[in-house]
Structures are given as C-alpha cells and as structure tokens.
Protein backbone atom coordinates (compact mmCIF):
# COMPACT_ATOMS: atom_id res chain seq x y z
CA MET A 1 -15.63 1.83 2.12
CA GLU A 2 -13.38 4.43 0.54
CA GLN A 3 -9.80 5.36 1.22
CA ILE A 4 -8.89 9.03 1.31
CA LYS A 5 -5.56 10.60 2.16
CA VAL A 6 -5.68 13.33 4.82
CA LYS A 7 -3.07 15.22 6.85
CA ALA A 8 -3.25 15.63 10.60
CA LYS A 9 -3.23 19.28 11.67
CA LYS A 10 -2.86 21.05 15.00
CA TRP A 11 -6.27 21.99 16.42
CA GLY A 12 -5.97 23.70 19.80
CA ASN A 13 -4.24 21.22 22.09
CA SER A 14 -5.28 18.31 19.86
CA ILE A 15 -4.63 17.00 16.40
CA GLY A 16 -7.49 16.84 13.89
CA ILE A 17 -8.16 15.78 10.33
CA VAL A 18 -10.29 17.53 7.71
CA LEU A 19 -12.53 15.46 5.45
CA PRO A 20 -12.99 16.53 1.83
CA VAL A 21 -16.36 18.22 1.24
CA LYS A 22 -17.33 15.69 -1.47
CA VAL A 23 -17.00 12.86 1.07
CA VAL A 24 -18.92 14.84 3.70
CA ASN A 25 -21.75 15.53 1.25
CA ARG A 26 -21.87 12.04 -0.22
CA GLU A 27 -21.89 10.33 3.19
CA ASP A 28 -24.20 13.00 4.67
CA ILE A 29 -21.79 13.60 7.57
CA LYS A 30 -23.02 16.16 10.06
CA GLU A 31 -21.54 17.49 13.29
CA GLY A 32 -21.82 14.71 15.85
CA THR A 33 -21.86 11.89 13.28
CA GLU A 34 -19.99 8.92 14.69
CA MET A 35 -17.61 7.05 12.42
CA VAL A 36 -14.76 4.59 12.63
CA VAL A 37 -11.36 5.79 11.45
CA THR A 38 -8.63 3.32 10.52
CA ILE A 39 -5.15 4.72 11.10
CA GLN A 40 -2.51 3.73 8.57
CA THR A 41 0.81 5.56 8.69
CA LYS A 42 3.50 5.75 6.03
CA ASN A 43 5.25 2.75 7.60
CA VAL A 44 2.66 0.41 6.10
CA MET A 45 3.02 -0.71 2.49
CA THR A 46 -0.13 -1.76 0.68
CA VAL A 47 -0.39 -4.03 -2.35
CA ARG A 48 -1.05 -0.90 -4.43
CA ASP A 49 2.19 0.61 -3.09
CA LEU A 50 4.08 -2.55 -4.08
CA LEU A 51 2.56 -2.56 -7.58
CA ASP A 52 3.38 1.14 -8.05
CA PHE A 53 6.96 0.48 -6.92
CA ALA A 54 7.27 -2.50 -9.31
CA ARG A 55 6.04 -0.37 -12.23
CA LYS A 56 8.54 2.37 -11.44
CA HIS A 57 11.45 -0.04 -10.87
CA PRO A 58 11.15 -2.94 -13.32
CA LEU A 59 13.55 -5.85 -12.95
CA PRO A 60 16.16 -6.28 -15.66
CA LYS A 61 15.36 -8.91 -18.28
CA SER A 62 17.07 -12.25 -17.75
CA LYS A 63 18.55 -14.25 -20.61
CA LYS A 64 17.90 -17.46 -18.65
CA THR A 65 14.65 -19.34 -18.93
CA THR A 66 12.47 -19.79 -15.87
CA GLN A 67 13.23 -23.52 -15.94
CA LYS A 68 16.99 -22.85 -15.95
CA ILE A 69 16.66 -20.53 -12.94
CA MET A 70 14.52 -23.12 -11.09
CA ASP A 71 17.08 -25.84 -11.85
CA GLU A 72 19.88 -23.65 -10.47
CA MET A 73 17.87 -22.97 -7.32
CA ASP A 74 17.20 -26.71 -6.84
CA PHE A 75 20.92 -27.39 -7.13
CA GLU A 76 21.91 -24.59 -4.71
CA LEU A 77 19.27 -25.42 -2.14
CA TYR A 78 19.01 -29.20 -2.35
CA GLY A 79 22.01 -30.41 -4.36
CA ILE A 80 19.66 -31.74 -7.05
CA ARG A 81 20.95 -31.44 -10.60
CA ARG A 82 18.41 -31.80 -13.39
C-alpha cells in the first residue's frame, strides 16, 4: 500500500481526485477498476507528522539530569522525596 497526496477538484456536480500517472501505470488501473480509498483529512496527525514537527521544533536542552526530573515529578505527584 502506498500513500499519495491528492487534491479534491470540482468535477461537474461532484468532487473527484486525479491519480498520478506513475501510480496508474504501476498499478495497471483502467477505467472501471474498483479500489478502496481511505480518506484522511488535514485534521489527522500521523506519526510522520509528529516526527517532522519535533525535528523542526526541538526542545531546549535541560541542565537537569533525567533522574533529577523524575525525582521532582515523584515529589510533585506523590509527595515522595528521594
């Protein structure tokens, strides 16, 4: 299965999508070929979207160690001081 990005366009009284010719040729799609289309709008964020966002917006470096942060969380959440 392959993901391709397409735009919906007005087609008479309907809305249609156009498949890239390389996909049509590779999959041997002809007029009348039945296929299943999964609809995913911009409102859905994929793991790839999250990774791209994380690369573009890195978190600032912390001067605290991971253990120090975990200890602070334990104290705030559970009142446990280590």
